[in-house]
PDB file of N, CA and C in Angstrom:
ATOM      1  N   MET A   1      29.672 267.771  99.447  1.00  0.00           N
ATOM      2  CA  MET A   1      30.945 267.099  99.393  1.00  0.00           C
ATOM      3  C   MET A   1      31.932 268.010  98.671  1.00  0.00           C
ATOM      4  N   PRO A   2      32.924 268.514  99.371  1.00  0.00           N
ATOM      5  CA  PRO A   2      33.889 269.408  98.721  1.00  0.00           C
ATOM      6  C   PRO A   2      34.901 268.639  97.879  1.00  0.00           C
ATOM      7  N   ASP A   3      35.371 269.300  96.829  1.00  0.00           N
ATOM      8  CA  ASP A   3      36.460 268.782  96.016  1.00  0.00           C
ATOM      9  C   ASP A   3      37.728 269.526  96.424  1.00  0.00           C
ATOM     10  N   TYR A   4      38.805 268.801  96.622  1.00  0.00           N
ATOM     11  CA  TYR A   4      40.112 269.387  96.911  1.00  0.00           C
ATOM     12  C   TYR A   4      40.998 269.094  95.710  1.00  0.00           C
ATOM     13  N   ILE A   5      41.478 270.151  95.054  1.00  0.00           N
ATOM     14  CA  ILE A   5      42.208 270.029  93.808  1.00  0.00           C
ATOM     15  C   ILE A   5      43.637 270.522  94.021  1.00  0.00           C
ATOM     16  N   ALA A   6      44.594 269.609  93.843  1.00  0.00           N
ATOM     17  CA  ALA A   6      45.998 269.956  94.056  1.00  0.00           C
ATOM     18  C   ALA A   6      46.566 270.634  92.817  1.00  0.00           C
ATOM     19  N   GLU A   7      47.315 271.705  93.048  1.00  0.00           N
ATOM     20  CA  GLU A   7      48.102 272.348  92.001  1.00  0.00           C
ATOM     21  C   GLU A   7      49.546 271.967  92.278  1.00  0.00           C
ATOM     22  N   LEU A   8      50.203 271.360  91.304  1.00  0.00           N
ATOM     23  CA  LEU A   8      51.551 270.839  91.498  1.00  0.00           C
ATOM     24  C   LEU A   8      52.595 271.775  90.904  1.00  0.00           C
ATOM     25  N   ASP A   9      53.796 271.760  91.517  1.00  0.00           N
ATOM     26  CA  ASP A   9      54.909 272.526  90.968  1.00  0.00           C
ATOM     27  C   ASP A   9      55.694 271.647  89.993  1.00  0.00           C
ATOM     28  N   GLU A  10      56.815 272.160  89.505  1.00  0.00           N
ATOM     29  CA  GLU A  10      57.588 271.424  88.506  1.00  0.00           C
ATOM     30  C   GLU A  10      58.203 270.133  89.040  1.00  0.00           C
ATOM     31  N   LYS A  11      58.321 270.015  90.361  1.00  0.00           N
ATOM     32  CA  LYS A  11      58.836 268.779  90.970  1.00  0.00           C
ATOM     33  C   LYS A  11      57.703 267.825  91.367  1.00  0.00           C
ATOM     34  N   GLN A  12      56.482 268.165  90.974  1.00  0.00           N
ATOM     35  CA  GLN A  12      55.290 267.378  91.275  1.00  0.00           C
ATOM     36  C   GLN A  12      54.930 267.384  92.765  1.00  0.00           C
ATOM     37  N   ASP A  13      55.387 268.401  93.475  1.00  0.00           N
ATOM     38  CA  ASP A  13      54.972 268.610  94.864  1.00  0.00           C
ATOM     39  C   ASP A  13      53.746 269.512  94.869  1.00  0.00           C
ATOM     40  N   VAL A  14      52.935 269.392  95.894  1.00  0.00           N
ATOM     41  CA  VAL A  14      51.732 270.226  96.000  1.00  0.00           C
ATOM     42  C   VAL A  14      52.155 271.662  96.302  1.00  0.00           C
ATOM     43  N   ALA A  15      51.800 272.568  95.414  1.00  0.00           N
ATOM     44  CA  ALA A  15      52.115 273.990  95.583  1.00  0.00           C
ATOM     45  C   ALA A  15      50.929 274.744  96.179  1.00  0.00           C
ATOM     46  N   ALA A  16      49.730 274.270  95.903  1.00  0.00           N
ATOM     47  CA  ALA A  16      48.515 274.902  96.421  1.00  0.00           C
ATOM     48  C   ALA A  16      47.388 273.883  96.339  1.00  0.00           C
ATOM     49  N   VAL A  17      46.377 274.104  97.147  1.00  0.00           N
ATOM     50  CA  VAL A  17      45.173 273.270  97.093  1.00  0.00           C
ATOM     51  C   VAL A  17      43.982 274.196  96.909  1.00  0.00           C
ATOM     52  N   TRP A  18      43.207 273.883  95.914  1.00  0.00           N
ATOM     53  CA  TRP A  18      41.975 274.609  95.646  1.00  0.00           C
ATOM     54  C   TRP A  18      40.827 273.810  96.233  1.00  0.00           C
ATOM     55  N   VAL A  19      39.840 274.501  96.769  1.00  0.00           N
ATOM     56  CA  VAL A  19      38.666 273.820  97.324  1.00  0.00           C
ATOM     57  C   VAL A  19      37.437 274.317  96.583  1.00  0.00           C
ATOM     58  N   LYS A  20      36.606 273.370  96.177  1.00  0.00           N
ATOM     59  CA  LYS A  20      35.351 273.681  95.470  1.00  0.00           C
ATOM     60  C   LYS A  20      34.211 273.078  96.262  1.00  0.00           C
ATOM     61  N   GLU A  21      33.470 273.939  96.926  1.00  0.00           N
ATOM     62  CA  GLU A  21      32.270 273.497  97.641  1.00  0.00           C
ATOM     63  C   GLU A  21      31.147 273.295  96.634  1.00  0.00           C
ATOM     64  N   LYS A  22      30.236 272.406  96.957  1.00  0.00           N
ATOM     65  CA  LYS A  22      29.138 272.093  96.041  1.00  0.00           C
ATOM     66  C   LYS A  22      28.349 273.342  95.664  1.00  0.00           C
ATOM     67  N   SER A  23      28.139 274.230  96.614  1.00  0.00           N
ATOM     68  CA  SER A  23      27.324 275.422  96.367  1.00  0.00           C
ATOM     69  C   SER A  23      28.103 276.567  95.718  1.00  0.00           C
ATOM     70  N   ALA A  24      29.419 276.454  95.624  1.00  0.00           N
ATOM     71  CA  ALA A  24      30.242 277.539  95.066  1.00  0.00           C
ATOM     72  C   ALA A  24      30.252 277.478  93.540  1.00  0.00           C
ATOM     73  N   ARG A  25      30.392 278.644  92.921  1.00  0.00           N
ATOM     74  CA  ARG A  25      30.456 278.689  91.460  1.00  0.00           C
ATOM     75  C   ARG A  25      31.836 278.298  90.948  1.00  0.00           C
ATOM     76  N   ALA A  26      32.870 278.566  91.719  1.00  0.00           N
ATOM     77  CA  ALA A  26      34.240 278.304  91.266  1.00  0.00           C
ATOM     78  C   ALA A  26      35.095 277.895  92.459  1.00  0.00           C
ATOM     79  N   PRO A  27      36.178 277.166  92.198  1.00  0.00           N
ATOM     80  CA  PRO A  27      37.077 276.798  93.307  1.00  0.00           C
ATOM     81  C   PRO A  27      37.875 278.002  93.790  1.00  0.00           C
ATOM     82  N   ARG A  28      38.319 277.928  95.032  1.00  0.00           N
ATOM     83  CA  ARG A  28      39.160 278.978  95.634  1.00  0.00           C
ATOM     84  C   ARG A  28      40.366 278.306  96.277  1.00  0.00           C
ATOM     85  N   VAL A  29      41.464 279.036  96.356  1.00  0.00           N
ATOM     86  CA  VAL A  29      42.645 278.499  97.036  1.00  0.00           C
ATOM     87  C   VAL A  29      42.301 278.309  98.507  1.00  0.00           C
ATOM     88  N   PHE A  30      42.662 277.142  99.048  1.00  0.00           N
ATOM     89  CA  PHE A  30      42.360 276.836 100.445  1.00  0.00           C
ATOM     90  C   PHE A  30      43.015 277.871 101.352  1.00  0.00           C
ATOM     91  N   ASP A  31      42.230 278.471 102.214  1.00  0.00           N
ATOM     92  CA  ASP A  31      42.698 279.456 103.195  1.00  0.00           C
ATOM     93  C   ASP A  31      42.152 279.023 104.548  1.00  0.00           C
ATOM     94  N   PRO A  32      43.029 278.647 105.502  1.00  0.00           N
ATOM     95  CA  PRO A  32      42.547 278.157 106.790  1.00  0.00           C
ATOM     96  C   PRO A  32      41.739 279.184 107.580  1.00  0.00           C
ATOM     97  N   ARG A  33      41.826 280.458 107.205  1.00  0.00           N
ATOM     98  CA  ARG A  33      41.000 281.465 107.882  1.00  0.00           C
ATOM     99  C   ARG A  33      39.584 281.473 107.328  1.00  0.00           C
ATOM    100  N   LYS A  34      39.389 280.894 106.129  1.00  0.00           N
ATOM    101  CA  LYS A  34      38.077 280.904 105.492  1.00  0.00           C
ATOM    102  C   LYS A  34      37.480 279.512 105.307  1.00  0.00           C
ATOM    103  N   HIS A  35      38.333 278.491 105.248  1.00  0.00           N
ATOM    104  CA  HIS A  35      37.877 277.128 104.984  1.00  0.00           C
ATOM    105  C   HIS A  35      38.181 276.227 106.177  1.00  0.00           C
ATOM    106  N   ILE A  36      37.329 275.258 106.382  1.00  0.00           N
ATOM    107  CA  ILE A  36      37.527 274.273 107.440  1.00  0.00           C
ATOM    108  C   ILE A  36      37.631 272.908 106.788  1.00  0.00           C
ATOM    109  N   PHE A  37      38.750 272.227 107.031  1.00  0.00           N
ATOM    110  CA  PHE A  37      38.900 270.880 106.510  1.00  0.00           C
ATOM    111  C   PHE A  37      38.372 269.914 107.552  1.00  0.00           C
ATOM    112  N   ASP A  38      37.393 269.095 107.154  1.00  0.00           N
ATOM    113  CA  ASP A  38      36.802 268.105 108.046  1.00  0.00           C
ATOM    114  C   ASP A  38      37.121 266.722 107.501  1.00  0.00           C
ATOM    115  N   ALA A  39      38.036 266.010 108.162  1.00  0.00           N
ATOM    116  CA  ALA A  39      38.462 264.692 107.703  1.00  0.00           C
ATOM    117  C   ALA A  39      37.326 263.672 107.761  1.00  0.00           C
ATOM    118  N   ASN A  40      36.279 263.958 108.519  1.00  0.00           N
ATOM    119  CA  ASN A  40      35.148 263.032 108.633  1.00  0.00           C
ATOM    120  C   ASN A  40      34.116 263.223 107.520  1.00  0.00           C
ATOM    121  N   LYS A  41      34.261 264.290 106.765  1.00  0.00           N
ATOM    122  CA  LYS A  41      33.320 264.605 105.698  1.00  0.00           C
ATOM    123  C   LYS A  41      33.789 263.938 104.400  1.00  0.00           C
ATOM    124  N   ASP A  42      32.852 263.358 103.651  1.00  0.00           N
ATOM    125  CA  ASP A  42      33.206 262.785 102.353  1.00  0.00           C
ATOM    126  C   ASP A  42      33.734 263.883 101.447  1.00  0.00           C
ATOM    127  N   SER A  43      34.878 263.640 100.830  1.00  0.00           N
ATOM    128  CA  SER A  43      35.509 264.617  99.954  1.00  0.00           C
ATOM    129  C   SER A  43      36.093 263.916  98.744  1.00  0.00           C
ATOM    130  N   VAL A  44      36.326 264.701  97.706  1.00  0.00           N
ATOM    131  CA  VAL A  44      36.981 264.209  96.503  1.00  0.00           C
ATOM    132  C   VAL A  44      38.347 264.873  96.428  1.00  0.00           C
ATOM    133  N   PHE A  45      39.389 264.094  96.155  1.00  0.00           N
ATOM    134  CA  PHE A  45      40.753 264.598  96.065  1.00  0.00           C
ATOM    135  C   PHE A  45      41.246 264.395  94.640  1.00  0.00           C
ATOM    136  N   LEU A  46      41.654 265.478  93.999  1.00  0.00           N
ATOM    137  CA  LEU A  46      42.079 265.435  92.602  1.00  0.00           C
ATOM    138  C   LEU A  46      43.477 266.033  92.460  1.00  0.00           C
ATOM    139  N   GLY A  47      44.252 265.500  91.530  1.00  0.00           N
ATOM    140  CA  GLY A  47      45.561 266.068  91.211  1.00  0.00           C
ATOM    141  C   GLY A  47      46.709 265.515  92.017  1.00  0.00           C
ATOM    142  N   ALA A  48      46.420 264.955  93.176  1.00  0.00           N
ATOM    143  CA  ALA A  48      47.443 264.355  94.050  1.00  0.00           C
ATOM    144  C   ALA A  48      46.711 263.416  95.008  1.00  0.00           C
ATOM    145  N   SER A  49      47.489 262.623  95.723  1.00  0.00           N
ATOM    146  CA  SER A  49      46.875 261.692  96.667  1.00  0.00           C
ATOM    147  C   SER A  49      46.217 262.449  97.825  1.00  0.00           C
ATOM    148  N   GLU A  50      45.272 261.785  98.439  1.00  0.00           N
ATOM    149  CA  GLU A  50      44.601 262.362  99.617  1.00  0.00           C
ATOM    150  C   GLU A  50      45.619 262.730 100.683  1.00  0.00           C
ATOM    151  N   GLU A  51      46.612 261.870 100.898  1.00  0.00           N
ATOM    152  CA  GLU A  51      47.632 262.115 101.926  1.00  0.00           C
ATOM    153  C   GLU A  51      48.436 263.380 101.631  1.00  0.00           C
ATOM    154  N   LYS A  52      48.836 263.569 100.362  1.00  0.00           N
ATOM    155  CA  LYS A  52      49.620 264.759 100.006  1.00  0.00           C
ATOM    156  C   LYS A  52      48.800 266.034 100.165  1.00  0.00           C
ATOM    157  N   ILE A  53      47.545 265.976  99.777  1.00  0.00           N
ATOM    158  CA  ILE A  53      46.680 267.151  99.909  1.00  0.00           C
ATOM    159  C   ILE A  53      46.442 267.466 101.385  1.00  0.00           C
ATOM    160  N   MET A  54      46.151 266.448 102.185  1.00  0.00           N
ATOM    161  CA  MET A  54      45.929 266.672 103.618  1.00  0.00           C
ATOM    162  C   MET A  54      47.194 267.193 104.297  1.00  0.00           C
ATOM    163  N   SER A  55      48.348 266.709 103.880  1.00  0.00           N
ATOM    164  CA  SER A  55      49.618 267.177 104.441  1.00  0.00           C
ATOM    165  C   SER A  55      49.836 268.656 104.116  1.00  0.00           C
ATOM    166  N   TRP A  56      49.525 269.063 102.892  1.00  0.00           N
ATOM    167  CA  TRP A  56      49.680 270.472 102.508  1.00  0.00           C
ATOM    168  C   TRP A  56      48.734 271.343 103.337  1.00  0.00           C
ATOM    169  N   ILE A  57      47.494 270.898 103.494  1.00  0.00           N
ATOM    170  CA  ILE A  57      46.512 271.663 104.277  1.00  0.00           C
ATOM    171  C   ILE A  57      46.982 271.796 105.728  1.00  0.00           C
ATOM    172  N   ALA A  58      47.493 270.708 106.308  1.00  0.00           N
ATOM    173  CA  ALA A  58      47.985 270.760 107.690  1.00  0.00           C
ATOM    174  C   ALA A  58      49.154 271.736 107.811  1.00  0.00           C
ATOM    175  N   GLY A  59      50.038 271.747 106.831  1.00  0.00           N
ATOM    176  CA  GLY A  59      51.188 272.654 106.859  1.00  0.00           C
ATOM    177  C   GLY A  59      50.787 274.109 106.761  1.00  0.00           C
ATOM    178  N   ILE A  60      49.851 274.423 105.867  1.00  0.00           N
ATOM    179  CA  ILE A  60      49.411 275.804 105.699  1.00  0.00           C
ATOM    180  C   ILE A  60      48.629 276.263 106.931  1.00  0.00           C
ATOM    181  N   ASP A  61      47.914 275.342 107.565  1.00  0.00           N
ATOM    182  CA  ASP A  61      47.174 275.664 108.785  1.00  0.00           C
ATOM    183  C   ASP A  61      48.158 276.013 109.910  1.00  0.00           C
ATOM    184  N   ARG A  62      49.235 275.236 110.024  1.00  0.00           N
ATOM    185  CA  ARG A  62      50.271 275.531 111.042  1.00  0.00           C
ATOM    186  C   ARG A  62      50.916 276.883 110.798  1.00  0.00           C
ATOM    187  N   GLN A  63      51.228 277.186 109.541  1.00  0.00           N
ATOM    188  CA  GLN A  63      51.832 278.478 109.207  1.00  0.00           C
ATOM    189  C   GLN A  63      50.922 279.623 109.589  1.00  0.00           C
ATOM    190  N   CYS A  64      49.640 279.464 109.329  1.00  0.00           N
ATOM    191  CA  CYS A  64      48.669 280.513 109.644  1.00  0.00           C
ATOM    192  C   CYS A  64      48.611 280.757 111.153  1.00  0.00           C
ATOM    193  N   ARG A  65      48.591 279.669 111.932  1.00  0.00           N
ATOM    194  CA  ARG A  65      48.517 279.810 113.394  1.00  0.00           C
ATOM    195  C   ARG A  65      49.777 280.458 113.958  1.00  0.00           C
ATOM    196  N   MET A  66      50.941 280.137 113.371  1.00  0.00           N
ATOM    197  CA  MET A  66      52.205 280.692 113.864  1.00  0.00           C
ATOM    198  C   MET A  66      52.330 282.182 113.559  1.00  0.00           C
ATOM    199  N   SER A  67      51.661 282.658 112.517  1.00  0.00           N
ATOM    200  CA  SER A  67      51.780 284.064 112.126  1.00  0.00           C
ATOM    201  C   SER A  67      50.833 284.963 112.915  1.00  0.00           C
ATOM    202  N   ARG A  68      50.020 284.409 113.755  1.00  0.00           N
ATOM    203  CA  ARG A  68      49.068 285.216 114.540  1.00  0.00           C
ATOM    204  C   ARG A  68      49.732 285.867 115.711  1.00  0.00           C
TER     205      ARG A  68
END
């Protein structure tokens, strides 16, 4: 079960999302080229609501696809 940890900016908007897999020693910044978000998988959301974290992940995923 991965943990998704929101890093907030001064306006309390999500600036980054860190992902900590159970087997990992430390969290890493979510990178759509390296991480797969599975909405069907049980996850823990910290630092912001699940909706805000999922919205940030969807936005960064779109940016990554557009830059290819």
